[in-house]
């Protein structure tokens, strides 16, 4: 598969990758999504297909689709982003972790556009409130809401709070450290991973 990735990186037509993503065999789709994730922003022309696989029955495909969406999404792709939001409650723990990483790192203009789509399409209010938390996390009121959200037993609320804690960690590390003690094992792991990544980044800049 690495050889095939090399071909795409060297200019092999994305039409061939599109064919893989449309394949009937789950393993072929998984292979195609892995290649797309490795191409990063180079897979953007296929973002419609990628979004269509966010709810694939194969967990690995959902995981990789989120990775692709993070690399490729622009504000004009807000509808694709809103399709991903329900994955904060995914049945597979690795997908929930990936969704937290997505929410913690997706660019602000993309979040703003997704928030508008959610409002226009009357998406579940919990998601709208969650996006507001991510967009305004540096405000005092939102920071308090992040602290409170981390204590919630509702998976959607606590997930957005954890992602919000990660987005403001360089401004206030308190919420993310509280997330390390979450009752949700995925949030605990996510918080630990974010802190470790920051440690590595800081070490690399010294």
N, C-alpha and C. Protein backbone atom coordinates (compact mmCIF):
# COMPACT_ATOMS: atom_id res chain seq x y z
N UNK A 1 0.83 -1.21 0.00
CA UNK A 1 0.00 0.00 0.00
C UNK A 1 0.87 1.26 0.00
N UNK A 2 2.03 1.16 0.61
CA UNK A 2 2.95 2.30 0.63
C UNK A 2 3.37 2.67 -0.78
N UNK A 3 3.55 1.66 -1.63
CA UNK A 3 3.93 1.92 -3.02
C UNK A 3 2.82 2.68 -3.74
N UNK A 4 1.58 2.31 -3.45
CA UNK A 4 0.45 3.00 -4.07
C UNK A 4 0.37 4.44 -3.58
N UNK A 5 0.63 4.65 -2.30
CA UNK A 5 0.66 6.01 -1.76
C UNK A 5 1.71 6.84 -2.48
N UNK A 6 2.88 6.26 -2.71
CA UNK A 6 3.94 6.97 -3.44
C UNK A 6 3.46 7.41 -4.81
N UNK A 7 2.68 6.54 -5.47
CA UNK A 7 2.17 6.88 -6.79
C UNK A 7 1.26 8.11 -6.72
N UNK A 8 0.37 8.13 -5.72
CA UNK A 8 -0.53 9.28 -5.59
C UNK A 8 0.24 10.55 -5.22
N UNK A 9 1.24 10.42 -4.38
CA UNK A 9 2.05 11.57 -4.00
C UNK A 9 2.85 12.11 -5.18
N UNK A 10 3.08 11.25 -6.14
CA UNK A 10 3.82 11.65 -7.33
C UNK A 10 2.91 12.04 -8.50
N UNK A 11 1.62 12.21 -8.21
CA UNK A 11 0.72 12.74 -9.22
C UNK A 11 -0.26 11.78 -9.84
N UNK A 12 -0.35 10.56 -9.31
CA UNK A 12 -1.33 9.60 -9.82
C UNK A 12 -2.73 10.18 -9.66
N UNK A 13 -3.59 9.99 -10.65
CA UNK A 13 -4.91 10.63 -10.66
C UNK A 13 -5.74 10.29 -9.42
N UNK A 14 -6.34 11.32 -8.83
CA UNK A 14 -7.22 11.10 -7.68
C UNK A 14 -8.48 10.34 -8.07
N UNK A 15 -8.76 10.25 -9.36
CA UNK A 15 -9.90 9.45 -9.79
C UNK A 15 -9.75 8.00 -9.34
N UNK A 16 -8.52 7.53 -9.33
CA UNK A 16 -8.27 6.16 -8.89
C UNK A 16 -8.53 6.02 -7.39
N UNK A 17 -8.17 7.05 -6.66
CA UNK A 17 -8.44 7.02 -5.22
C UNK A 17 -9.94 7.09 -4.96
N UNK A 18 -10.62 7.88 -5.78
CA UNK A 18 -12.08 7.96 -5.68
C UNK A 18 -12.71 6.59 -5.88
N UNK A 19 -12.16 5.84 -6.82
CA UNK A 19 -12.68 4.49 -7.07
C UNK A 19 -12.53 3.60 -5.84
N UNK A 20 -11.40 3.73 -5.15
CA UNK A 20 -11.18 2.95 -3.93
C UNK A 20 -12.20 3.32 -2.86
N UNK A 21 -12.46 4.61 -2.73
CA UNK A 21 -13.40 5.06 -1.70
C UNK A 21 -14.83 4.62 -1.99
N UNK A 22 -15.11 4.31 -3.26
CA UNK A 22 -16.45 3.85 -3.65
C UNK A 22 -16.55 2.33 -3.73
N UNK A 23 -15.47 1.64 -3.41
CA UNK A 23 -15.43 0.19 -3.57
C UNK A 23 -16.44 -0.51 -2.66
N UNK A 24 -16.87 -1.68 -3.08
CA UNK A 24 -17.81 -2.47 -2.27
C UNK A 24 -17.11 -3.18 -1.12
N UNK A 25 -15.82 -3.43 -1.28
CA UNK A 25 -15.07 -4.17 -0.27
C UNK A 25 -14.59 -3.21 0.84
N UNK A 26 -14.94 -3.47 2.09
CA UNK A 26 -14.52 -2.59 3.18
C UNK A 26 -13.01 -2.39 3.27
N UNK A 27 -12.25 -3.43 2.98
CA UNK A 27 -10.80 -3.29 3.06
C UNK A 27 -10.26 -2.33 2.01
N UNK A 28 -10.89 -2.32 0.84
CA UNK A 28 -10.47 -1.39 -0.21
C UNK A 28 -10.79 0.05 0.20
N UNK A 29 -11.96 0.24 0.80
CA UNK A 29 -12.34 1.59 1.27
C UNK A 29 -11.38 2.03 2.36
N UNK A 30 -11.06 1.12 3.27
CA UNK A 30 -10.13 1.46 4.35
C UNK A 30 -8.77 1.84 3.78
N UNK A 31 -8.30 1.10 2.79
CA UNK A 31 -7.02 1.41 2.17
C UNK A 31 -7.06 2.77 1.50
N UNK A 32 -8.16 3.04 0.80
CA UNK A 32 -8.30 4.32 0.14
C UNK A 32 -8.33 5.47 1.12
N UNK A 33 -9.02 5.28 2.25
CA UNK A 33 -9.10 6.34 3.23
C UNK A 33 -7.74 6.57 3.90
N UNK A 34 -6.98 5.49 4.08
CA UNK A 34 -5.64 5.65 4.64
C UNK A 34 -4.77 6.48 3.70
N UNK A 35 -4.86 6.19 2.43
CA UNK A 35 -4.08 6.96 1.45
C UNK A 35 -4.52 8.42 1.48
N UNK A 36 -5.82 8.65 1.53
CA UNK A 36 -6.34 10.02 1.58
C UNK A 36 -5.81 10.76 2.81
N UNK A 37 -5.77 10.06 3.95
CA UNK A 37 -5.28 10.69 5.17
C UNK A 37 -3.80 11.05 5.06
N UNK A 38 -3.04 10.20 4.37
CA UNK A 38 -1.62 10.47 4.18
C UNK A 38 -1.38 11.61 3.19
N UNK A 39 -2.30 11.82 2.28
CA UNK A 39 -2.16 12.91 1.31
C UNK A 39 -2.46 14.26 1.94
N UNK A 40 -3.13 14.26 3.09
CA UNK A 40 -3.43 15.51 3.77
C UNK A 40 -4.30 16.41 2.90
N UNK A 41 -3.89 17.68 2.78
CA UNK A 41 -4.68 18.64 2.01
C UNK A 41 -4.77 18.26 0.54
N UNK A 42 -3.88 17.39 0.09
CA UNK A 42 -3.93 16.94 -1.29
C UNK A 42 -5.18 16.14 -1.61
N UNK A 43 -5.87 15.65 -0.58
CA UNK A 43 -7.10 14.88 -0.79
C UNK A 43 -8.34 15.77 -0.82
N UNK A 44 -8.16 17.07 -0.72
CA UNK A 44 -9.30 17.98 -0.63
C UNK A 44 -10.30 17.83 -1.78
N UNK A 45 -9.86 17.59 -3.02
CA UNK A 45 -10.86 17.43 -4.09
C UNK A 45 -11.87 16.31 -3.83
N UNK A 46 -11.54 15.41 -2.92
CA UNK A 46 -12.44 14.28 -2.62
C UNK A 46 -13.20 14.49 -1.31
N UNK A 47 -13.25 15.71 -0.83
CA UNK A 47 -13.81 15.93 0.51
C UNK A 47 -15.28 15.51 0.60
N UNK A 48 -16.00 15.61 -0.50
CA UNK A 48 -17.39 15.17 -0.48
C UNK A 48 -17.50 13.68 -0.20
N UNK A 49 -16.66 12.90 -0.84
CA UNK A 49 -16.66 11.45 -0.60
C UNK A 49 -16.16 11.15 0.82
N UNK A 50 -15.17 11.89 1.24
CA UNK A 50 -14.65 11.68 2.59
C UNK A 50 -15.74 11.92 3.62
N UNK A 51 -16.48 13.02 3.45
CA UNK A 51 -17.57 13.32 4.39
C UNK A 51 -18.63 12.22 4.36
N UNK A 52 -18.85 11.67 3.18
CA UNK A 52 -19.84 10.61 3.06
C UNK A 52 -19.47 9.33 3.78
N UNK A 53 -18.19 9.21 4.15
CA UNK A 53 -17.72 8.01 4.85
C UNK A 53 -17.52 8.25 6.35
N UNK A 54 -17.93 9.41 6.82
CA UNK A 54 -17.80 9.69 8.26
C UNK A 54 -18.62 8.73 9.11
N UNK A 55 -19.64 8.15 8.52
CA UNK A 55 -20.50 7.22 9.26
C UNK A 55 -20.44 5.82 8.66
N UNK A 56 -19.29 5.51 8.11
CA UNK A 56 -19.04 4.15 7.62
C UNK A 56 -19.23 3.14 8.75
N UNK A 57 -19.68 1.93 8.45
CA UNK A 57 -19.78 0.91 9.50
C UNK A 57 -18.41 0.43 9.99
N UNK A 58 -17.35 0.79 9.27
CA UNK A 58 -16.00 0.39 9.67
C UNK A 58 -15.37 1.52 10.50
N UNK A 59 -15.06 1.23 11.75
CA UNK A 59 -14.55 2.26 12.66
C UNK A 59 -13.28 2.90 12.14
N UNK A 60 -12.39 2.09 11.56
CA UNK A 60 -11.13 2.64 11.05
C UNK A 60 -11.36 3.66 9.94
N UNK A 61 -12.40 3.44 9.14
CA UNK A 61 -12.73 4.39 8.08
C UNK A 61 -13.23 5.69 8.68
N UNK A 62 -14.08 5.60 9.70
CA UNK A 62 -14.58 6.81 10.36
C UNK A 62 -13.41 7.59 10.97
N UNK A 63 -12.50 6.87 11.61
CA UNK A 63 -11.33 7.49 12.24
C UNK A 63 -10.50 8.25 11.21
N UNK A 64 -10.21 7.59 10.09
CA UNK A 64 -9.38 8.20 9.05
C UNK A 64 -10.12 9.33 8.33
N UNK A 65 -11.44 9.20 8.20
CA UNK A 65 -12.21 10.27 7.57
C UNK A 65 -12.12 11.55 8.39
N UNK A 66 -12.15 11.42 9.70
CA UNK A 66 -11.99 12.59 10.56
C UNK A 66 -10.61 13.22 10.39
N UNK A 67 -9.60 12.36 10.29
CA UNK A 67 -8.25 12.86 10.08
C UNK A 67 -8.15 13.64 8.77
N UNK A 68 -8.77 13.10 7.73
CA UNK A 68 -8.79 13.78 6.44
C UNK A 68 -9.52 15.11 6.53
N UNK A 69 -10.67 15.09 7.19
CA UNK A 69 -11.48 16.30 7.30
C UNK A 69 -10.71 17.39 8.02
N UNK A 70 -9.97 17.04 9.04
CA UNK A 70 -9.18 18.03 9.77
C UNK A 70 -8.12 18.65 8.86
N UNK A 71 -7.51 17.84 8.03
CA UNK A 71 -6.45 18.33 7.13
C UNK A 71 -7.01 19.17 5.99
N UNK A 72 -8.22 18.87 5.55
CA UNK A 72 -8.73 19.45 4.31
C UNK A 72 -9.79 20.53 4.48
N UNK A 73 -10.53 20.50 5.56
CA UNK A 73 -11.74 21.32 5.66
C UNK A 73 -11.45 22.82 5.62
N UNK A 74 -12.28 23.51 4.86
CA UNK A 74 -12.29 24.96 4.80
C UNK A 74 -13.69 25.43 5.17
N UNK A 75 -13.88 26.72 5.42
CA UNK A 75 -15.23 27.18 5.80
C UNK A 75 -16.33 26.75 4.84
N UNK A 76 -16.00 26.63 3.56
CA UNK A 76 -17.02 26.21 2.59
C UNK A 76 -17.44 24.75 2.78
N UNK A 77 -16.71 24.02 3.62
CA UNK A 77 -17.02 22.62 3.88
C UNK A 77 -17.78 22.45 5.20
N UNK A 78 -18.42 23.51 5.64
CA UNK A 78 -19.08 23.49 6.95
C UNK A 78 -20.11 22.37 7.07
N UNK A 79 -20.82 22.08 6.00
CA UNK A 79 -21.83 21.02 6.06
C UNK A 79 -21.18 19.67 6.35
N UNK A 80 -20.00 19.44 5.77
CA UNK A 80 -19.28 18.20 6.04
C UNK A 80 -18.88 18.12 7.50
N UNK A 81 -18.47 19.25 8.05
CA UNK A 81 -18.07 19.29 9.46
C UNK A 81 -19.26 18.97 10.35
N UNK A 82 -20.41 19.51 10.04
CA UNK A 82 -21.59 19.24 10.88
C UNK A 82 -21.97 17.77 10.84
N UNK A 83 -21.68 17.10 9.72
CA UNK A 83 -21.96 15.67 9.64
C UNK A 83 -21.11 14.88 10.62
N UNK A 84 -19.96 15.44 10.97
CA UNK A 84 -19.04 14.73 11.86
C UNK A 84 -19.40 14.87 13.33
N UNK A 85 -20.20 15.87 13.68
CA UNK A 85 -20.39 16.20 15.09
C UNK A 85 -20.94 15.06 15.93
N UNK A 86 -21.80 14.25 15.35
CA UNK A 86 -22.39 13.16 16.13
C UNK A 86 -21.36 12.12 16.55
N UNK A 87 -20.16 12.16 15.96
CA UNK A 87 -19.14 11.17 16.31
C UNK A 87 -18.57 11.38 17.71
N UNK A 88 -18.96 12.46 18.38
CA UNK A 88 -18.55 12.61 19.79
C UNK A 88 -19.21 11.52 20.64
N UNK A 89 -20.25 10.88 20.10
CA UNK A 89 -20.92 9.79 20.81
C UNK A 89 -20.72 8.45 20.12
N UNK A 90 -19.71 8.35 19.29
CA UNK A 90 -19.48 7.12 18.53
C UNK A 90 -19.32 5.92 19.46
N UNK A 91 -19.72 4.77 18.97
CA UNK A 91 -19.62 3.55 19.77
C UNK A 91 -18.18 3.08 19.94
N UNK A 92 -17.29 3.53 19.05
CA UNK A 92 -15.89 3.10 19.09
C UNK A 92 -15.05 4.17 19.80
N UNK A 93 -14.32 3.76 20.84
CA UNK A 93 -13.58 4.72 21.65
C UNK A 93 -12.51 5.46 20.84
N UNK A 94 -11.86 4.78 19.89
CA UNK A 94 -10.82 5.45 19.11
C UNK A 94 -11.40 6.57 18.25
N UNK A 95 -12.63 6.39 17.77
CA UNK A 95 -13.27 7.42 16.96
C UNK A 95 -13.64 8.60 17.84
N UNK A 96 -14.10 8.36 19.05
CA UNK A 96 -14.41 9.47 19.96
C UNK A 96 -13.14 10.25 20.28
N UNK A 97 -12.03 9.54 20.48
CA UNK A 97 -10.75 10.24 20.73
C UNK A 97 -10.38 11.10 19.53
N UNK A 98 -10.52 10.55 18.34
CA UNK A 98 -10.18 11.30 17.13
C UNK A 98 -11.08 12.51 16.97
N UNK A 99 -12.34 12.37 17.36
CA UNK A 99 -13.26 13.50 17.26
C UNK A 99 -12.86 14.61 18.22
N UNK A 100 -12.39 14.25 19.40
CA UNK A 100 -11.90 15.26 20.34
C UNK A 100 -10.71 16.00 19.74
N UNK A 101 -9.81 15.25 19.11
CA UNK A 101 -8.66 15.88 18.47
C UNK A 101 -9.11 16.81 17.34
N UNK A 102 -10.12 16.37 16.61
CA UNK A 102 -10.66 17.20 15.54
C UNK A 102 -11.20 18.52 16.10
N UNK A 103 -12.05 18.43 17.11
CA UNK A 103 -12.65 19.64 17.68
C UNK A 103 -11.61 20.55 18.32
N UNK A 104 -10.55 19.96 18.85
CA UNK A 104 -9.51 20.75 19.51
C UNK A 104 -8.63 21.50 18.51
N UNK A 105 -8.58 21.01 17.27
CA UNK A 105 -7.60 21.56 16.33
C UNK A 105 -8.18 22.16 15.05
N UNK A 106 -9.45 21.95 14.78
CA UNK A 106 -10.02 22.48 13.55
C UNK A 106 -9.96 24.02 13.60
N UNK A 107 -9.59 24.66 12.49
CA UNK A 107 -9.44 26.12 12.49
C UNK A 107 -10.73 26.86 12.85
N UNK A 108 -10.57 27.98 13.50
CA UNK A 108 -11.71 28.76 13.96
C UNK A 108 -12.68 29.14 12.83
N UNK A 109 -12.20 29.59 11.66
CA UNK A 109 -13.16 29.93 10.60
C UNK A 109 -14.04 28.76 10.18
N UNK A 110 -13.50 27.56 10.25
CA UNK A 110 -14.29 26.37 9.91
C UNK A 110 -15.36 26.15 10.98
N UNK A 111 -14.97 26.32 12.24
CA UNK A 111 -15.95 26.18 13.33
C UNK A 111 -17.06 27.22 13.21
N UNK A 112 -16.68 28.44 12.89
CA UNK A 112 -17.68 29.50 12.77
C UNK A 112 -18.69 29.16 11.67
N UNK A 113 -18.19 28.67 10.55
CA UNK A 113 -19.08 28.31 9.45
C UNK A 113 -19.98 27.14 9.83
N UNK A 114 -19.41 26.16 10.54
CA UNK A 114 -20.19 25.00 10.97
C UNK A 114 -21.27 25.42 11.98
N UNK A 115 -20.91 26.36 12.83
CA UNK A 115 -21.89 26.85 13.82
C UNK A 115 -23.08 27.49 13.11
N UNK A 116 -22.81 28.22 12.04
CA UNK A 116 -23.90 28.86 11.29
C UNK A 116 -24.78 27.81 10.62
N UNK A 117 -24.17 26.79 10.05
CA UNK A 117 -24.95 25.71 9.43
C UNK A 117 -25.83 25.03 10.47
N UNK A 118 -25.26 24.78 11.64
CA UNK A 118 -26.03 24.14 12.71
C UNK A 118 -27.25 24.97 13.09
N UNK A 119 -27.05 26.29 13.17
CA UNK A 119 -28.17 27.17 13.51
C UNK A 119 -29.22 27.16 12.41
N UNK A 120 -28.76 27.22 11.15
CA UNK A 120 -29.70 27.25 10.02
C UNK A 120 -30.49 25.95 9.91
N UNK A 121 -29.84 24.84 10.22
CA UNK A 121 -30.48 23.54 10.07
C UNK A 121 -31.09 23.02 11.37
N UNK A 122 -31.06 23.86 12.40
CA UNK A 122 -31.63 23.52 13.70
C UNK A 122 -31.09 22.19 14.24
N UNK A 123 -29.77 22.08 14.21
CA UNK A 123 -29.10 20.91 14.76
C UNK A 123 -29.28 20.92 16.27
N UNK A 124 -29.15 19.76 16.89
CA UNK A 124 -29.29 19.60 18.34
C UNK A 124 -28.60 20.75 19.08
N UNK A 125 -29.34 21.37 19.99
CA UNK A 125 -28.85 22.54 20.71
C UNK A 125 -27.56 22.24 21.48
N UNK A 126 -27.37 21.01 21.93
CA UNK A 126 -26.15 20.67 22.65
C UNK A 126 -24.91 20.89 21.78
N UNK A 127 -25.03 20.58 20.50
CA UNK A 127 -23.90 20.78 19.59
C UNK A 127 -23.66 22.26 19.34
N UNK A 128 -24.73 23.03 19.23
CA UNK A 128 -24.58 24.47 19.03
C UNK A 128 -23.90 25.10 20.24
N UNK A 129 -24.34 24.70 21.43
CA UNK A 129 -23.72 25.22 22.65
C UNK A 129 -22.25 24.78 22.72
N UNK A 130 -21.99 23.55 22.28
CA UNK A 130 -20.62 23.05 22.29
C UNK A 130 -19.73 23.84 21.37
N UNK A 131 -20.21 24.14 20.18
CA UNK A 131 -19.43 24.94 19.23
C UNK A 131 -19.20 26.34 19.77
N UNK A 132 -20.21 26.90 20.43
CA UNK A 132 -20.04 28.22 21.06
C UNK A 132 -18.93 28.18 22.10
N UNK A 133 -18.86 27.08 22.82
CA UNK A 133 -17.83 26.92 23.84
C UNK A 133 -16.44 26.93 23.20
N UNK A 134 -16.31 26.25 22.07
CA UNK A 134 -15.02 26.21 21.38
C UNK A 134 -14.65 27.57 20.80
N UNK A 135 -15.65 28.30 20.35
CA UNK A 135 -15.40 29.59 19.70
C UNK A 135 -15.10 30.70 20.68
N UNK A 136 -15.61 30.57 21.90
CA UNK A 136 -15.48 31.66 22.87
C UNK A 136 -14.80 31.21 24.16
N UNK A 137 -13.98 30.16 24.06
CA UNK A 137 -13.38 29.57 25.24
C UNK A 137 -12.51 30.50 26.05
N UNK A 138 -11.97 31.57 25.42
CA UNK A 138 -11.09 32.46 26.16
C UNK A 138 -11.86 33.47 27.01
N UNK A 139 -13.18 33.54 26.83
CA UNK A 139 -13.96 34.44 27.67
C UNK A 139 -14.12 33.82 29.06
N UNK A 140 -14.28 34.65 30.04
CA UNK A 140 -14.42 34.17 31.42
C UNK A 140 -15.63 33.26 31.56
N UNK A 141 -16.74 33.67 30.95
CA UNK A 141 -17.98 32.89 31.06
C UNK A 141 -17.80 31.50 30.43
N UNK A 142 -17.15 31.46 29.25
CA UNK A 142 -16.96 30.18 28.57
C UNK A 142 -16.00 29.28 29.34
N UNK A 143 -14.98 29.88 29.94
CA UNK A 143 -14.03 29.08 30.73
C UNK A 143 -14.74 28.42 31.90
N UNK A 144 -15.62 29.14 32.54
CA UNK A 144 -16.42 28.56 33.62
C UNK A 144 -17.28 27.42 33.09
N UNK A 145 -17.86 27.63 31.90
CA UNK A 145 -18.70 26.59 31.30
C UNK A 145 -17.87 25.35 30.96
N UNK A 146 -16.61 25.54 30.58
CA UNK A 146 -15.73 24.40 30.31
C UNK A 146 -15.49 23.61 31.58
N UNK A 147 -15.20 24.31 32.67
CA UNK A 147 -15.01 23.63 33.96
C UNK A 147 -16.26 22.83 34.33
N UNK A 148 -17.42 23.46 34.17
CA UNK A 148 -18.67 22.78 34.52
C UNK A 148 -18.95 21.62 33.59
N UNK A 149 -18.66 21.81 32.31
CA UNK A 149 -18.92 20.76 31.32
C UNK A 149 -18.09 19.52 31.57
N UNK A 150 -16.88 19.70 32.07
CA UNK A 150 -16.01 18.56 32.34
C UNK A 150 -16.57 17.66 33.44
N UNK A 151 -17.46 18.21 34.25
CA UNK A 151 -18.08 17.43 35.32
C UNK A 151 -19.35 16.73 34.86
N UNK A 152 -19.81 17.08 33.67
CA UNK A 152 -21.09 16.53 33.19
C UNK A 152 -20.98 15.05 32.88
N UNK A 153 -22.06 14.33 33.12
CA UNK A 153 -22.13 12.91 32.76
C UNK A 153 -22.66 12.73 31.33
N UNK A 154 -23.03 13.83 30.69
CA UNK A 154 -23.53 13.76 29.32
C UNK A 154 -22.33 13.78 28.38
N UNK A 155 -22.23 12.76 27.55
CA UNK A 155 -21.04 12.58 26.70
C UNK A 155 -20.81 13.76 25.76
N UNK A 156 -21.89 14.32 25.19
CA UNK A 156 -21.72 15.44 24.26
C UNK A 156 -21.16 16.66 25.00
N UNK A 157 -21.74 16.98 26.12
CA UNK A 157 -21.31 18.15 26.89
C UNK A 157 -19.87 18.02 27.35
N UNK A 158 -19.53 16.88 27.91
CA UNK A 158 -18.17 16.69 28.41
C UNK A 158 -17.14 16.65 27.28
N UNK A 159 -17.54 16.14 26.11
CA UNK A 159 -16.62 16.10 24.97
C UNK A 159 -16.27 17.50 24.49
N UNK A 160 -17.27 18.34 24.32
CA UNK A 160 -16.99 19.71 23.89
C UNK A 160 -16.18 20.46 24.94
N UNK A 161 -16.47 20.19 26.20
CA UNK A 161 -15.71 20.85 27.26
C UNK A 161 -14.24 20.43 27.22
N UNK A 162 -13.99 19.15 26.97
CA UNK A 162 -12.61 18.66 26.89
C UNK A 162 -11.89 19.29 25.71
N UNK A 163 -12.56 19.35 24.55
CA UNK A 163 -11.95 19.97 23.38
C UNK A 163 -11.72 21.46 23.63
N UNK A 164 -12.67 22.09 24.31
CA UNK A 164 -12.49 23.50 24.65
C UNK A 164 -11.31 23.71 25.58
N UNK A 165 -11.13 22.80 26.52
CA UNK A 165 -9.99 22.88 27.44
C UNK A 165 -8.68 22.80 26.68
N UNK A 166 -8.65 21.94 25.67
CA UNK A 166 -7.43 21.81 24.85
C UNK A 166 -7.16 23.07 24.04
N UNK A 167 -8.22 23.72 23.56
CA UNK A 167 -8.04 24.91 22.73
C UNK A 167 -7.52 26.10 23.51
N UNK A 168 -7.75 26.12 24.84
CA UNK A 168 -7.29 27.26 25.63
C UNK A 168 -6.11 26.90 26.54
N UNK A 169 -5.52 25.72 26.33
CA UNK A 169 -4.53 25.22 27.29
C UNK A 169 -3.34 26.15 27.46
N UNK A 170 -2.92 26.84 26.42
CA UNK A 170 -1.76 27.74 26.57
C UNK A 170 -2.15 29.04 27.27
N UNK A 171 -3.44 29.28 27.36
CA UNK A 171 -3.95 30.45 28.07
C UNK A 171 -4.29 30.10 29.51
N UNK A 172 -4.86 28.90 29.67
CA UNK A 172 -5.26 28.42 31.00
C UNK A 172 -5.21 26.89 30.96
N UNK A 173 -4.24 26.31 31.61
CA UNK A 173 -4.08 24.85 31.59
C UNK A 173 -4.94 24.14 32.63
N UNK A 174 -5.60 24.91 33.48
CA UNK A 174 -6.40 24.33 34.55
C UNK A 174 -7.46 23.36 34.08
N UNK A 175 -8.31 23.75 33.10
CA UNK A 175 -9.37 22.83 32.66
C UNK A 175 -8.84 21.53 32.10
N UNK A 176 -7.76 21.58 31.34
CA UNK A 176 -7.25 20.34 30.76
C UNK A 176 -6.69 19.43 31.84
N UNK A 177 -6.13 19.99 32.88
CA UNK A 177 -5.62 19.16 33.98
C UNK A 177 -6.78 18.53 34.75
N UNK A 178 -7.88 19.22 34.83
CA UNK A 178 -9.08 18.62 35.43
C UNK A 178 -9.57 17.48 34.55
N UNK A 179 -9.46 17.65 33.22
CA UNK A 179 -9.87 16.59 32.30
C UNK A 179 -9.08 15.31 32.52
N UNK A 180 -7.86 15.44 33.05
CA UNK A 180 -7.05 14.25 33.35
C UNK A 180 -7.71 13.37 34.40
N UNK A 181 -8.64 13.94 35.16
CA UNK A 181 -9.33 13.19 36.22
C UNK A 181 -10.78 12.86 35.83
N UNK A 182 -11.12 13.04 34.57
CA UNK A 182 -12.49 12.80 34.11
C UNK A 182 -12.93 11.35 34.38
N UNK A 183 -14.23 11.18 34.56
CA UNK A 183 -14.79 9.84 34.70
C UNK A 183 -14.79 9.11 33.35
N UNK A 184 -14.64 9.86 32.27
CA UNK A 184 -14.62 9.29 30.93
C UNK A 184 -13.18 8.94 30.56
N UNK A 185 -12.92 7.67 30.33
CA UNK A 185 -11.55 7.21 30.05
C UNK A 185 -10.98 7.84 28.78
N UNK A 186 -11.83 8.08 27.79
CA UNK A 186 -11.35 8.67 26.54
C UNK A 186 -10.94 10.12 26.76
N UNK A 187 -11.69 10.83 27.56
CA UNK A 187 -11.31 12.22 27.86
C UNK A 187 -10.01 12.24 28.65
N UNK A 188 -9.84 11.31 29.58
CA UNK A 188 -8.57 11.26 30.32
C UNK A 188 -7.40 11.02 29.37
N UNK A 189 -7.57 10.07 28.47
CA UNK A 189 -6.51 9.77 27.52
C UNK A 189 -6.24 10.95 26.59
N UNK A 190 -7.31 11.58 26.12
CA UNK A 190 -7.18 12.74 25.24
C UNK A 190 -6.39 13.85 25.94
N UNK A 191 -6.75 14.15 27.17
CA UNK A 191 -6.07 15.22 27.91
C UNK A 191 -4.59 14.90 28.08
N UNK A 192 -4.29 13.65 28.41
CA UNK A 192 -2.89 13.24 28.58
C UNK A 192 -2.13 13.36 27.26
N UNK A 193 -2.78 12.99 26.17
CA UNK A 193 -2.13 13.06 24.86
C UNK A 193 -1.86 14.51 24.45
N UNK A 194 -2.81 15.39 24.72
CA UNK A 194 -2.62 16.81 24.39
C UNK A 194 -1.46 17.39 25.19
N UNK A 195 -1.41 17.07 26.46
CA UNK A 195 -0.33 17.58 27.31
C UNK A 195 1.02 17.06 26.84
N UNK A 196 1.07 15.78 26.46
CA UNK A 196 2.32 15.20 25.97
C UNK A 196 2.75 15.86 24.66
N UNK A 197 1.82 16.12 23.78
CA UNK A 197 2.15 16.77 22.51
C UNK A 197 2.69 18.18 22.74
N UNK A 198 2.08 18.88 23.67
CA UNK A 198 2.57 20.22 23.99
C UNK A 198 3.98 20.17 24.55
N UNK A 199 4.24 19.16 25.38
CA UNK A 199 5.57 18.99 25.96
C UNK A 199 6.61 18.76 24.87
N UNK A 200 6.25 17.94 23.90
CA UNK A 200 7.16 17.65 22.78
C UNK A 200 7.37 18.92 21.94
N UNK A 201 6.28 19.64 21.66
CA UNK A 201 6.39 20.87 20.86
C UNK A 201 7.29 21.88 21.56
N UNK A 202 7.11 22.03 22.86
CA UNK A 202 7.91 23.00 23.61
C UNK A 202 9.38 22.58 23.63
N UNK A 203 9.61 21.26 23.76
CA UNK A 203 10.99 20.77 23.75
C UNK A 203 11.67 21.03 22.42
N UNK A 204 10.89 20.90 21.33
CA UNK A 204 11.44 21.10 19.99
C UNK A 204 11.80 22.57 19.72
N UNK A 205 11.14 23.50 20.43
CA UNK A 205 11.41 24.91 20.22
C UNK A 205 12.48 25.47 21.15
N UNK A 206 12.91 24.67 22.12
CA UNK A 206 13.96 25.14 23.04
C UNK A 206 15.34 25.18 22.35
